[in-house]
Protein backbone atom coordinates (compact mmCIF):
# COMPACT_ATOMS: atom_id res chain seq x y z
CA MET A 1 -0.30 -0.34 -0.11
CA PRO A 2 2.17 3.60 -1.17
CA LEU A 3 2.19 6.09 1.80
CA ILE A 4 0.75 8.79 -0.93
CA ALA A 5 0.56 8.86 -4.69
CA PHE A 6 3.44 10.04 -6.45
CA ASP A 7 1.59 12.12 -8.22
CA ALA A 8 0.28 14.05 -5.20
CA LEU A 9 3.94 14.96 -3.74
CA GLN A 10 4.50 18.20 -5.74
CA ASP A 11 8.43 18.20 -7.04
CA GLY A 12 9.95 20.72 -4.42
CA GLY A 13 7.51 19.74 -1.82
CA PHE A 14 6.63 18.22 1.49
CA ALA A 15 4.20 15.70 3.17
CA GLU A 16 3.23 13.71 5.65
CA SER A 17 2.33 10.14 5.80
CA GLU A 18 1.80 7.67 8.53
CA ALA A 19 3.94 4.23 8.72
CA VAL A 20 4.64 1.39 10.96
CA LEU A 21 8.00 0.80 11.06
CA ASP A 22 9.60 -1.99 13.67
CA GLY A 23 6.16 -2.65 14.78
CA ASP A 24 5.57 0.86 16.13
CA ALA A 25 3.10 4.06 14.17
CA GLU A 26 5.35 6.69 13.26
CA SER A 27 4.86 9.82 11.66
CA LEU A 28 7.08 10.17 8.31
CA ILE A 29 8.31 13.43 5.89
CA LEU A 30 8.41 13.56 2.39
CA TYR A 31 10.16 14.95 0.16
CA ARG A 32 10.16 15.00 -3.82
CA ASP A 33 12.98 16.30 -5.99
CA GLY A 34 12.20 15.63 -9.00
CA ASP A 35 11.87 11.97 -9.75
CA THR A 36 13.84 11.23 -6.42
CA VAL A 37 11.14 11.01 -3.15
CA ARG A 38 13.15 10.70 0.21
CA ALA A 39 11.54 10.02 3.72
CA TRP A 40 12.78 10.87 7.40
CA LEU A 41 11.16 10.03 10.56
CA ASN A 42 8.74 13.47 11.43
CA VAL A 43 11.18 14.21 14.52
CA CYS A 44 13.30 16.99 15.69
CA PRO A 45 16.84 15.55 16.64
CA HIS A 46 16.69 18.59 19.21
CA ALA A 47 13.87 17.87 21.30
CA GLY A 48 12.00 15.10 19.69
CA ARG A 49 9.36 16.93 18.20
CA ARG A 50 7.22 16.90 15.17
CA LEU A 51 8.78 19.49 12.50
CA ASP A 52 5.47 20.41 11.22
CA TRP A 53 4.18 23.26 12.16
CA ALA A 54 0.70 21.72 11.51
CA PRO A 55 -0.32 18.39 10.51
CA GLY A 56 1.23 17.83 7.50
CA LYS A 57 2.59 21.34 6.76
CA PHE A 58 6.38 21.77 7.00
CA LEU A 59 8.26 25.38 6.65
CA LYS A 60 10.73 25.71 3.83
CA SER A 61 13.24 28.50 4.15
CA LYS A 62 13.91 30.60 1.19
CA GLU A 63 17.88 28.61 0.93
CA GLY A 64 15.51 25.35 0.33
CA LEU A 65 15.83 24.24 3.86
CA LEU A 66 13.50 22.24 5.69
CA VAL A 67 13.00 24.20 9.21
CA CYS A 68 11.51 23.43 12.45
CA ALA A 69 8.71 24.91 14.08
CA SER A 70 9.15 24.43 17.32
CA HIS A 71 13.56 26.15 17.87
CA GLY A 72 14.69 26.59 13.90
CA ALA A 73 16.37 23.90 13.31
CA SER A 74 17.10 23.83 9.78
CA PHE A 75 18.20 20.69 7.53
CA GLU A 76 19.36 20.26 4.10
CA LEU A 77 17.20 17.74 1.87
CA LEU A 78 19.76 15.38 0.71
CA HIS A 79 20.51 13.64 4.11
CA GLY A 80 18.88 15.65 6.74
CA GLN A 81 21.60 16.88 8.11
CA CYS A 82 20.91 20.11 10.55
CA VAL A 83 22.95 22.97 9.39
CA ALA A 84 21.86 25.70 11.54
CA GLY A 85 20.01 26.08 15.24
CA PRO A 86 20.37 24.20 18.05
CA CYS A 87 21.30 21.06 16.21
CA ARG A 88 23.78 21.53 14.23
CA GLY A 89 25.30 18.62 12.59
CA ALA A 90 22.95 16.31 14.55
CA SER A 91 20.15 14.41 11.17
CA LEU A 92 16.96 13.68 11.17
CA ARG A 93 16.53 9.80 10.69
CA ALA A 94 16.41 8.76 6.84
CA VAL A 95 13.67 5.72 6.22
CA ALA A 96 14.24 3.69 2.93
CA VAL A 97 11.42 4.56 0.64
CA GLU A 98 11.02 4.13 -3.27
CA GLY A 99 8.80 5.28 -6.13
CA ARG A 100 6.90 1.84 -7.76
CA ASP A 101 3.73 2.21 -9.75
CA GLY A 102 2.65 5.19 -9.15
CA GLY A 103 3.13 5.39 -5.46
CA VAL A 104 5.48 6.11 -2.78
CA ILE A 105 6.06 2.83 -0.97
CA LEU A 106 8.55 1.91 1.94
CA GLU A 107 11.34 -0.09 0.36
CA VAL A 108 11.07 -3.42 2.64
CA PRO A 109 14.89 -4.55 3.20
CA VAL A 110 15.87 -8.21 2.78
CA ARG A 111 16.45 -9.52 6.06
CA ALA A 112 19.79 -11.39 6.82
CA ALA A 113 17.78 -14.69 8.01
CA ASP A 114 15.64 -14.79 4.15
CA ARG A 115 18.75 -13.82 2.10
CA HIS A 116 19.43 -17.63 1.34
CA LEU A 117 15.77 -17.87 0.54
CA VAL A 118 16.38 -15.36 -2.57
CA GLU A 119 19.76 -15.86 -3.31
CA SER A 120 20.12 -19.97 -3.64
CA ASP A 121 18.99 -21.67 -6.37
CA ALA A 122 19.90 -25.31 -4.26
CA PRO A 123 16.45 -26.94 -4.58
CA CYS A 124 15.02 -27.79 -0.81
CA ASP A 125 15.50 -31.13 1.02
CA PRO A 126 12.41 -31.26 3.27
CA GLU A 127 14.31 -33.69 5.85
CA ASP A 128 16.84 -30.43 6.67
CA ALA A 129 13.75 -27.65 6.70
CA GLY A 130 12.70 -30.43 9.43
CA MET A 131 10.12 -31.88 7.15
CA ARG A 132 9.08 -35.20 6.18
């Protein structure tokens, strides 16, 4: 299920979406830059508050930085690093997303424990899997 339709996110614009990460419901910031969408947790590393001034409404400076509505921390939009304000040098927590089938979806990494299922061409021996 997509977080948002790709075309609903304006180029150079932000949106907020909810997603379950590691079993917890989280608010995400989505940012579109041409054909690329980046996402971060909607949490300022300075005080742990949401960055939006109202749900889904984000401030962007004339320099093109994402600005925390609470304390004015300013984040560049390539890596989410704070370049000005009370948490200079800290970064937003990135969330991997991708555009697919007209939507923006979470990238689901293959866990190391499951990687052998994807990478192995060897036939499965039911006896090895504990099945008889």
